[in-house]
Protein backbone atom coordinates (compact mmCIF):
# COMPACT_ATOMS: atom_id res chain seq x y z
CA MET A 1 0.00 0.00 0.00
CA GLN A 2 2.97 2.32 -0.46
CA HIS A 3 1.11 4.39 -3.04
CA LEU A 4 -1.20 5.64 -0.29
CA CYS A 5 1.65 7.67 1.11
CA HIS A 6 2.35 9.65 -2.05
CA MET A 7 0.58 12.68 -0.63
CA ALA A 8 4.09 13.72 0.39
CA ALA A 9 4.68 14.50 -3.28
CA THR A 10 2.21 17.38 -3.16
CA ARG A 11 2.34 20.68 -1.34
CA VAL A 12 -0.76 19.81 0.66
CA ARG A 13 -0.02 16.68 2.62
CA CYS A 14 -2.53 14.19 3.89
CA TYR A 15 -1.29 11.88 6.60
CA LEU A 16 -2.67 8.34 6.82
CA ARG A 17 -2.06 5.76 9.50
CA LEU A 18 -1.97 2.34 7.90
CA VAL A 19 -2.33 -0.91 9.78
CA PRO A 20 -3.40 -4.31 8.44
CA GLY A 21 -7.06 -4.22 7.44
CA SER A 22 -7.49 -0.52 8.11
CA LEU A 23 -7.14 2.87 6.48
CA GLU A 24 -7.23 5.79 8.87
CA TYR A 25 -7.34 9.49 8.07
CA ALA A 26 -5.10 11.35 10.50
CA GLY A 27 -5.07 14.96 9.38
CA VAL A 28 -3.48 17.50 7.07
CA LEU A 29 -0.62 19.99 7.05
CA ALA A 30 -0.76 23.41 5.48
CA ASP A 31 0.71 24.33 2.12
CA LYS A 32 4.27 25.38 2.89
CA GLU A 33 4.25 28.20 0.39
CA THR A 34 0.87 29.79 1.03
CA GLY A 35 -0.33 28.54 4.40
CA LYS A 36 -3.53 27.32 2.76
CA THR A 37 -4.96 24.04 3.90
CA MET A 38 -7.48 21.49 2.73
CA SER A 39 -9.91 22.79 5.31
CA ASN A 40 -9.95 26.35 4.01
CA GLY A 41 -10.13 25.26 0.38
CA GLY A 42 -7.04 27.19 -0.60
CA GLY A 43 -8.87 30.50 -0.86
CA SER A 44 -11.71 31.73 -3.05
CA ARG A 45 -12.95 30.09 -6.23
CA ALA A 46 -11.69 33.16 -8.07
CA ALA A 47 -8.19 31.81 -7.43
CA ILE A 48 -8.93 28.95 -9.80
CA ARG A 49 -9.49 31.34 -12.66
CA GLU A 50 -6.49 33.45 -11.64
CA LYS A 51 -4.28 30.37 -11.84
CA ARG A 52 -5.55 29.68 -15.33
CA ASP A 53 -4.56 33.19 -16.42
CA ASP A 54 -1.12 32.76 -14.87
CA ALA A 55 -0.40 29.53 -16.76
CA MET A 56 2.17 29.95 -19.51
CA ALA A 57 0.46 30.10 -22.88
CA GLY A 58 3.54 28.70 -24.58
CA ASN A 59 3.78 25.60 -22.40
CA ASP A 60 4.60 22.51 -24.49
CA GLU A 61 1.67 20.57 -23.04
CA THR A 62 -0.77 23.29 -24.09
CA GLN A 63 0.69 23.21 -27.58
CA SER A 64 0.27 19.42 -27.74
CA GLY A 65 -3.46 19.74 -27.14
CA ILE A 66 -3.45 19.46 -23.34
CA ASP A 67 -5.02 22.49 -21.69
CA ILE A 68 -3.30 23.19 -18.37
CA THR A 69 -5.26 26.38 -17.74
CA LYS A 70 -8.61 24.64 -17.11
CA PRO A 71 -9.13 22.25 -14.18
CA ASN A 72 -9.09 18.66 -15.41
CA VAL A 73 -10.98 15.99 -13.46
CA ALA A 74 -8.33 13.31 -14.06
CA ARG A 75 -5.56 15.59 -12.83
CA MET A 76 -7.67 16.66 -9.84
CA TYR A 77 -8.11 12.98 -8.94
CA ASP A 78 -4.35 12.52 -9.35
CA TYR A 79 -3.89 15.35 -6.85
CA TYR A 80 -6.28 13.71 -4.37
CA LEU A 81 -4.19 10.54 -4.60
CA GLY A 82 -0.99 12.46 -3.96
CA GLY A 83 0.27 12.32 -7.54
CA LYS A 84 2.46 14.83 -9.35
CA ASP A 85 0.76 14.92 -12.76
CA ASN A 86 -1.31 18.03 -12.11
CA TYR A 87 -1.05 21.78 -12.64
CA ALA A 88 -1.86 24.98 -10.78
CA ALA A 89 -5.45 25.20 -12.00
CA ASP A 90 -6.08 21.56 -11.02
CA ARG A 91 -4.64 22.07 -7.55
CA GLU A 92 -6.63 25.22 -6.91
CA ALA A 93 -9.87 23.51 -7.98
CA ALA A 94 -9.07 20.47 -5.88
CA ARG A 95 -8.35 22.64 -2.84
CA TRP A 96 -11.72 24.30 -3.23
CA VAL A 97 -13.38 20.86 -3.21
CA LEU A 98 -11.35 19.93 -0.16
CA GLY A 99 -12.56 23.04 1.61
CA SER A 100 -16.07 21.57 1.54
CA ALA A 101 -15.07 17.90 1.78
CA PRO A 102 -11.63 17.41 3.38
CA ASP A 103 -12.02 13.62 3.34
CA VAL A 104 -12.12 13.39 -0.46
CA PRO A 105 -8.48 12.13 -0.67
CA LEU A 106 -9.45 9.30 1.65
CA ALA A 107 -12.46 8.50 -0.55
CA ALA A 108 -10.11 8.33 -3.55
CA LEU A 109 -7.94 5.87 -1.66
CA GLU A 110 -11.01 3.85 -0.71
CA ASN A 111 -11.81 3.53 -4.40
CA ARG A 112 -8.32 2.20 -5.13
CA GLU A 113 -8.79 -0.40 -2.39
CA PHE A 114 -12.20 -1.35 -3.80
CA LEU A 115 -10.61 -1.93 -7.20
CA LYS A 116 -8.01 -4.21 -5.61
CA ARG A 117 -10.69 -6.32 -3.97
CA ALA A 118 -12.82 -6.40 -7.13
CA VAL A 119 -9.92 -7.54 -9.34
CA LEU A 120 -8.98 -10.20 -6.80
CA PHE A 121 -12.58 -11.46 -6.73
CA LEU A 122 -12.80 -11.59 -10.52
CA ALA A 123 -9.39 -13.09 -11.27
CA GLN A 124 -9.10 -15.46 -8.35
CA GLU A 125 -12.68 -16.54 -7.68
CA GLN A 126 -14.35 -16.10 -11.08
CA GLY A 127 -11.45 -16.93 -13.39
CA VAL A 128 -11.77 -13.76 -15.44
CA SER A 129 -8.65 -13.01 -17.49
CA GLN A 130 -9.85 -10.14 -19.72
CA PHE A 131 -10.41 -6.61 -18.47
CA VAL A 132 -11.62 -3.37 -20.09
CA ASP A 133 -11.22 -0.29 -17.90
CA ILE A 134 -13.06 2.82 -19.11
CA GLY A 135 -11.95 6.16 -17.70
CA PRO A 136 -8.94 4.91 -15.71
CA GLY A 137 -7.49 8.37 -15.20
CA LEU A 138 -3.79 9.09 -14.92
CA PRO A 139 -1.69 6.02 -14.12
CA THR A 140 -0.87 5.30 -10.50
CA GLN A 141 0.30 2.23 -8.63
CA GLY A 142 -2.15 -0.64 -8.42
CA ASN A 143 -3.63 -0.24 -11.89
CA VAL A 144 -5.95 -2.97 -13.19
CA HIS A 145 -3.29 -4.69 -15.32
CA GLN A 146 -0.87 -4.80 -12.39
CA LEU A 147 -3.50 -6.20 -10.04
CA ALA A 148 -4.81 -8.73 -12.58
CA ARG A 149 -1.37 -10.01 -13.48
CA GLN A 150 -0.58 -10.71 -9.87
CA GLN A 151 -3.25 -13.41 -10.19
CA ASP A 152 -2.84 -14.33 -13.87
CA PRO A 153 0.39 -13.30 -15.67
CA ASP A 154 -1.40 -13.71 -19.01
CA ALA A 155 -4.33 -11.41 -18.16
CA ARG A 156 -5.20 -9.02 -20.97
CA VAL A 157 -6.21 -5.42 -20.26
CA VAL A 158 -7.45 -2.57 -22.44
CA TYR A 159 -7.79 0.92 -20.99
CA VAL A 160 -10.14 3.42 -22.65
CA ASP A 161 -10.03 7.17 -22.15
CA ASN A 162 -10.82 10.36 -24.06
CA ASP A 163 -8.36 12.59 -22.19
CA PRO A 164 -5.21 13.30 -24.27
CA ALA A 165 -3.10 13.62 -21.12
CA VAL A 166 -4.19 10.22 -19.83
CA ILE A 167 -3.67 8.55 -23.20
CA GLY A 168 -0.24 10.06 -23.77
CA HIS A 169 1.04 9.28 -20.30
CA SER A 170 -0.35 5.74 -20.32
CA ARG A 171 1.03 4.88 -23.75
CA SER A 172 4.52 5.84 -22.66
CA LEU A 173 4.25 3.57 -19.62
CA LEU A 174 2.61 0.64 -21.42
CA GLU A 175 4.92 0.65 -24.44
CA GLY A 176 6.39 -2.78 -25.06
CA MET A 177 4.00 -4.48 -22.65
CA PRO A 178 2.18 -7.27 -24.56
CA GLY A 179 -1.48 -7.82 -23.81
CA VAL A 180 -1.99 -4.36 -22.28
CA THR A 181 -2.90 -1.19 -24.19
CA ILE A 182 -4.87 2.04 -24.05
CA ILE A 183 -7.18 3.35 -26.77
CA SER A 184 -8.95 6.63 -27.31
CA GLY A 185 -12.67 6.32 -26.84
CA ASP A 186 -15.74 8.05 -25.47
CA LEU A 187 -17.77 6.20 -22.85
CA ARG A 188 -20.95 7.35 -24.59
CA GLU A 189 -20.03 5.38 -27.72
CA PRO A 190 -20.03 1.71 -26.64
CA GLU A 191 -20.15 0.26 -30.15
CA ARG A 192 -17.16 2.28 -31.31
CA ILE A 193 -15.15 1.21 -28.25
CA LEU A 194 -15.97 -2.50 -28.55
CA THR A 195 -15.18 -2.59 -32.27
CA HIS A 196 -11.93 -0.66 -31.99
CA PRO A 197 -9.16 -2.61 -33.81
CA GLU A 198 -6.73 -2.42 -30.89
CA LEU A 199 -9.34 -3.71 -28.48
CA ALA A 200 -10.27 -6.51 -30.87
CA ALA A 201 -6.60 -7.49 -31.12
CA CYS A 202 -6.34 -7.83 -27.34
CA ILE A 203 -9.77 -8.87 -26.06
CA ASP A 204 -11.76 -11.92 -27.22
CA LEU A 205 -15.39 -10.82 -27.02
CA THR A 206 -16.61 -14.40 -27.27
CA ARG A 207 -15.26 -14.97 -23.75
CA PRO A 208 -16.22 -13.25 -20.46
CA VAL A 209 -14.85 -9.76 -19.91
CA ALA A 210 -14.72 -7.60 -16.79
CA LEU A 211 -15.85 -4.07 -17.66
CA PHE A 212 -14.66 -1.41 -15.20
CA MET A 213 -16.38 1.97 -14.86
CA SER A 214 -14.75 3.32 -11.74
CA LEU A 215 -15.75 6.84 -10.67
CA VAL A 216 -16.47 7.82 -14.27
CA LEU A 217 -20.24 7.69 -14.83
CA HIS A 218 -20.84 10.68 -12.55
CA PHE A 219 -19.22 12.78 -15.28
CA ILE A 220 -21.99 11.82 -17.71
CA PRO A 221 -25.00 14.18 -17.46
CA PRO A 222 -28.61 12.97 -17.63
CA ASP A 223 -29.02 14.34 -21.17
CA ASP A 224 -26.55 11.68 -22.36
CA ASP A 225 -28.61 8.93 -20.65
CA PRO A 226 -25.79 7.09 -18.86
CA HIS A 227 -28.09 4.22 -17.84
CA ALA A 228 -28.84 3.50 -21.49
CA VAL A 229 -25.12 3.71 -22.29
CA VAL A 230 -24.34 1.03 -19.70
CA GLY A 231 -27.20 -1.05 -21.08
CA ARG A 232 -25.64 -0.94 -24.55
CA PHE A 233 -22.37 -2.24 -23.13
CA ARG A 234 -24.28 -4.96 -21.27
CA ASP A 235 -26.06 -6.10 -24.41
CA ALA A 236 -22.81 -6.29 -26.38
CA LEU A 237 -20.81 -8.23 -23.78
CA PRO A 238 -20.79 -12.04 -23.77
CA LEU A 239 -22.56 -14.05 -21.09
CA GLY A 240 -20.54 -14.43 -17.91
CA SER A 241 -19.06 -10.93 -18.21
CA PHE A 242 -18.91 -8.61 -15.21
CA LEU A 243 -19.58 -4.93 -14.57
CA VAL A 244 -17.45 -3.23 -11.89
CA LEU A 245 -18.76 0.21 -11.02
CA SER A 246 -18.29 2.96 -8.46
CA HIS A 247 -20.13 6.28 -8.42
CA VAL A 248 -20.17 9.39 -6.22
CA THR A 249 -23.36 10.02 -4.25
CA SER A 250 -25.03 12.94 -2.53
CA ASP A 251 -26.97 10.68 -0.13
CA GLY A 252 -26.82 11.93 3.44
CA ARG A 253 -24.99 15.17 2.55
CA GLU A 254 -25.92 18.79 3.25
CA SER A 255 -26.80 20.87 0.21
CA GLY A 256 -24.32 23.70 0.87
CA PRO A 257 -21.06 21.75 0.47
CA LEU A 258 -22.55 19.77 -2.43
CA THR A 259 -23.32 22.99 -4.29
CA MET A 260 -19.77 24.22 -3.76
CA ILE A 261 -18.35 20.93 -5.09
CA SER A 262 -20.68 20.84 -8.09
CA ASP A 263 -19.89 24.46 -8.95
CA THR A 264 -16.16 23.75 -8.83
CA TYR A 265 -16.47 20.79 -11.17
CA GLY A 266 -18.68 22.94 -13.36
CA ASP A 267 -15.60 25.04 -14.02
CA ALA A 268 -13.56 21.93 -14.90
CA ASN A 269 -13.54 19.89 -18.11
CA ALA A 270 -16.47 17.72 -16.95
CA PRO A 271 -19.43 18.29 -14.60
CA LEU A 272 -19.99 16.17 -11.51
CA ILE A 273 -23.43 14.53 -11.32
CA MET A 274 -23.98 12.87 -7.94
CA ARG A 275 -26.61 10.12 -7.87
CA SER A 276 -28.66 8.33 -5.23
CA HIS A 277 -28.39 4.69 -4.24
CA ALA A 278 -31.44 3.87 -6.37
CA GLU A 279 -29.95 5.64 -9.39
CA VAL A 280 -26.61 3.86 -9.00
CA ALA A 281 -28.33 0.50 -8.56
CA ARG A 282 -30.14 1.03 -11.88
CA PHE A 283 -26.81 0.77 -13.71
CA PHE A 284 -26.84 -2.91 -12.81
CA ASP A 285 -30.19 -3.64 -14.46
CA GLY A 286 -29.87 -6.87 -16.43
CA PHE A 287 -26.95 -8.04 -14.30
CA GLU A 288 -26.88 -10.26 -11.22
CA LEU A 289 -25.20 -8.48 -8.33
CA ALA A 290 -22.53 -10.28 -6.37
CA ASP A 291 -22.78 -10.03 -2.60
CA PRO A 292 -23.06 -7.63 -0.84
CA GLY A 293 -24.80 -5.69 -3.63
CA VAL A 294 -24.55 -1.94 -4.09
CA VAL A 295 -22.89 -0.55 -0.97
CA PHE A 296 -20.47 2.18 0.04
CA LEU A 297 -16.96 1.65 -1.33
CA SER A 298 -15.50 0.37 1.89
CA GLN A 299 -18.39 -2.00 2.55
CA TRP A 300 -17.82 -4.07 -0.58
CA ARG A 301 -16.27 -7.29 0.76
CA PRO A 302 -14.44 -5.43 3.55
CA THR A 303 -11.05 -6.65 4.70
CA GLY A 304 -11.02 -4.98 8.11
CA GLU A 305 -12.97 -3.02 10.70
CA TYR A 306 -12.46 0.34 8.98
CA PHE A 307 -13.93 -0.89 5.73
CA ALA A 308 -16.90 -2.60 7.36
CA HIS A 309 -18.04 0.68 8.93
CA GLY A 310 -18.49 2.36 5.57
CA GLY A 311 -15.60 4.80 5.52
CA THR A 312 -16.24 8.23 4.01
CA ARG A 313 -19.53 7.21 2.34
CA TRP A 314 -18.84 9.40 -0.67
CA ALA A 315 -19.44 6.70 -3.28
CA TYR A 316 -21.37 3.49 -3.93
CA ALA A 317 -19.82 0.44 -5.54
CA GLY A 318 -20.88 -2.92 -6.87
CA VAL A 319 -19.85 -5.88 -9.01
CA ALA A 320 -22.33 -7.85 -11.09
CA GLU A 321 -22.39 -10.64 -13.69
CA LYS A 322 -24.28 -10.81 -16.97
CA PRO A 323 -26.29 -14.05 -16.63
């Protein structure tokens, strides 16, 4: 679990106490340069826009099609996890979110732990050896291909993303790795993804596949009918395939902080649409849920006391099979 300690790589540091079977949030230190902390959100939301204006227009990444002046949800998530692949605008937006929800980094870590348990369940107990991960975000430790190949060295994994930064970074890391690749694709276009030549070269769609949609569907607004999108994937997958899904929720939260968070993501490259337990459960229509069903991230097959108690309760998760 060393990757949980990478918060030291960022200016805002989140300290975690790790013991077997637990994940404990212990507090934060202030930004050394500004004195801002997660709890004060790093200042006003206007700072986000100021940081955009301060970004260098001639930066190589901007020229290559990657906009560093607008908050990017993948880079914000990288910041929550303690990564270094983020820019000033991303950090300022993330700090504003943290001002309303200082436990978001812990929720991000909970999601990584859920993915570990889900891959172990699929590879070890269900014998799944093919994985398609849509919206994986920027690479970190404990990616799906790393987890799957701990159980099956021949596991095949295709990542799908529409973010140029994610695709470029991932391709450089996956180069020369047989049976693992990343393709450009939009979640809202299932048929185009599943017929992509690179996916077809890696994944045998006559055999069961594990489809991962981890913390990605909440970036799809109602107008794009995300439930129907998932249904199209379900219909195209072979029998015995699995859906692995996690999704942010507003259940049990006060409206004030939720509005602040939604407004901040509204200024980023994708909106954040929180959904209820019933709405998340609908994504599994046509599947058979594995125990314990749709629960908070840390309650899905918990490995210790911390997990069993539900953790931060920021997101629901579930794993289900196409019968």
